[in-house]
Protein backbone atom coordinates (compact mmCIF):
# COMPACT_ATOMS: atom_id res chain seq x y z
CA MET A 1 17.23 -7.49 -5.38
CA LYS A 2 15.02 -5.75 -7.74
CA ARG A 3 12.56 -3.17 -6.76
CA ASP A 4 8.93 -4.19 -6.44
CA MET A 5 6.37 -1.50 -6.77
CA ASP A 6 3.58 -3.34 -5.26
CA LEU A 7 5.73 -4.10 -2.18
CA ILE A 8 6.48 -0.32 -1.88
CA ARG A 9 2.78 0.29 -2.31
CA LYS A 10 1.65 -2.14 0.60
CA ILE A 11 4.48 -0.68 2.88
CA LEU A 12 2.91 2.88 2.43
CA ILE A 13 -0.39 1.70 2.89
CA GLN A 14 0.66 -0.18 6.03
CA VAL A 15 2.47 3.05 7.30
CA GLU A 16 -0.49 5.19 6.73
CA GLU A 17 -3.02 2.90 8.43
CA LYS A 18 -0.79 2.48 11.44
CA GLU A 19 0.37 6.22 11.87
CA ASN A 20 -2.00 7.12 14.83
CA GLU A 21 -0.33 4.24 16.71
CA TYR A 22 3.33 4.14 17.71
CA LEU A 23 4.64 2.77 14.54
CA GLU A 24 8.32 1.48 14.63
CA GLU A 25 8.33 -2.03 13.08
CA LEU A 26 6.32 -2.97 9.73
CA GLN A 27 4.33 -5.75 10.16
CA PRO A 28 5.14 -9.01 8.02
CA ILE A 29 3.79 -8.71 4.48
CA GLU A 30 2.40 -11.76 3.06
CA GLY A 31 4.63 -13.17 0.25
CA TYR A 32 7.72 -11.11 0.87
CA THR A 33 10.57 -11.87 3.17
CA GLU A 34 11.92 -9.64 5.86
CA GLU A 35 15.01 -8.96 3.98
CA GLU A 36 12.78 -7.71 0.64
CA VAL A 37 10.70 -5.56 3.23
CA GLN A 38 13.56 -4.14 4.75
CA TYR A 39 15.19 -3.44 1.25
CA HIS A 40 12.23 -1.57 -0.02
CA LEU A 41 11.95 0.52 3.24
CA ARG A 42 15.32 1.82 2.50
CA LEU A 43 14.17 2.71 -0.98
CA ILE A 44 11.14 4.55 -0.09
CA SER A 45 13.10 6.13 2.77
CA GLY A 46 15.83 7.46 0.22
CA GLN A 47 12.92 8.81 -1.94
CA LYS A 48 11.78 10.41 1.19
CA PHE A 49 8.32 8.81 1.28
CA VAL A 50 8.86 7.82 4.75
CA ASN A 51 10.74 9.02 7.96
CA ALA A 52 12.63 6.10 9.04
CA TYR A 53 15.75 5.28 11.19
CA TYR A 54 17.83 2.22 11.17
CA ALA A 55 19.17 0.20 14.23
CA ASP A 56 21.04 -3.16 13.79
CA ASN A 57 19.94 -3.07 10.03
CA THR A 58 16.36 -2.94 10.71
CA GLY A 59 14.38 -0.10 9.80
CA ARG A 60 12.02 1.67 11.96
CA VAL A 61 9.34 3.66 10.48
CA THR A 62 7.86 6.95 12.02
CA ASN A 63 5.38 8.17 9.56
CA LEU A 64 4.91 9.13 6.01
CA THR A 65 6.34 12.40 4.54
CA TRP A 66 4.41 14.74 2.51
CA GLU A 67 5.83 13.21 -0.68
CA GLY A 68 4.72 9.89 0.67
CA TYR A 69 1.39 11.04 1.17
CA GLU A 70 1.16 12.57 -2.20
CA PHE A 71 2.46 9.41 -4.04
CA LEU A 72 0.19 7.11 -1.96
CA GLU A 73 -3.07 9.16 -2.61
CA ASN A 74 -2.38 8.80 -6.42
CA ILE A 75 -1.90 4.84 -5.98
CA LYS A 76 -3.94 3.61 -3.24
CA ASN A 77 -7.07 3.11 -5.47
CA GLU A 78 -6.53 -0.53 -6.74
CA SER A 79 -8.18 0.68 -10.27
CA ILE A 80 -5.87 3.39 -10.70
CA TRP A 81 -2.87 1.26 -9.48
CA ASN A 82 -3.62 -1.48 -11.90
CA LYS A 83 -3.96 0.85 -14.89
CA THR A 84 -0.73 2.38 -14.00
CA LYS A 85 1.14 -0.90 -13.90
CA ASP A 86 -0.63 -1.93 -17.19
CA VAL A 87 0.58 1.26 -19.14
CA VAL A 88 4.21 0.43 -17.71
CA ALA A 89 3.86 -3.31 -18.46
CA LYS A 90 2.96 -2.28 -22.06
CA ASN A 91 5.84 0.04 -22.43
CA GLY A 92 8.90 -2.00 -21.56
CA GLY A 93 7.77 -3.20 -17.92
CA THR A 94 9.75 -0.73 -15.99
CA ALA A 95 9.49 2.93 -15.16
CA SER A 96 10.86 5.40 -12.60
CA VAL A 97 8.95 6.21 -9.44
CA ALA A 98 8.43 9.85 -10.98
CA ILE A 99 6.95 8.15 -14.09
CA MET A 100 4.53 5.92 -12.37
CA ALA A 101 3.64 8.73 -10.04
CA GLU A 102 2.80 10.95 -12.77
CA LEU A 103 0.68 8.09 -14.49
CA ALA A 104 -1.11 7.29 -11.60
CA LYS A 105 -1.67 11.06 -11.05
CA ASP A 106 -3.19 11.34 -14.38
CA PHE A 107 -5.57 8.43 -14.04
CA THR A 108 -6.61 10.16 -10.73
CA LEU A 109 -7.31 13.20 -12.55
CA LYS A 110 -9.57 11.33 -15.00
CA HIS A 111 -10.88 9.32 -12.41
CA PHE A 112 -12.57 12.56 -10.68
CA GLY A 113 -13.33 14.20 -14.17
CA LEU A 114 -10.76 16.66 -14.01
CA LYS A 115 -8.93 15.73 -17.13
């Protein structure tokens, strides 16, 4: 299975929206299977973007981490996210999370007139 940055973004947004509630299981995400969501949850948990635990191969999310908030704040804006993906697509189509985070951060700084 390939990493899908759009799915990762959707998961992070869902976790942030549900954080004040008792969040355990992610809600289904349209266009993705439960297997895809669980795979990507493991990826973002390994990246330390969320605190999660696993029972019976099913991930349970408790909250975003500091790193998760930092990444999400730079990719939450749809326009900034699309610009980030466009740059990656024009330069080979793949990039590490660190590169995508830096690109999104750069676009965010420009968006606020700080660069």
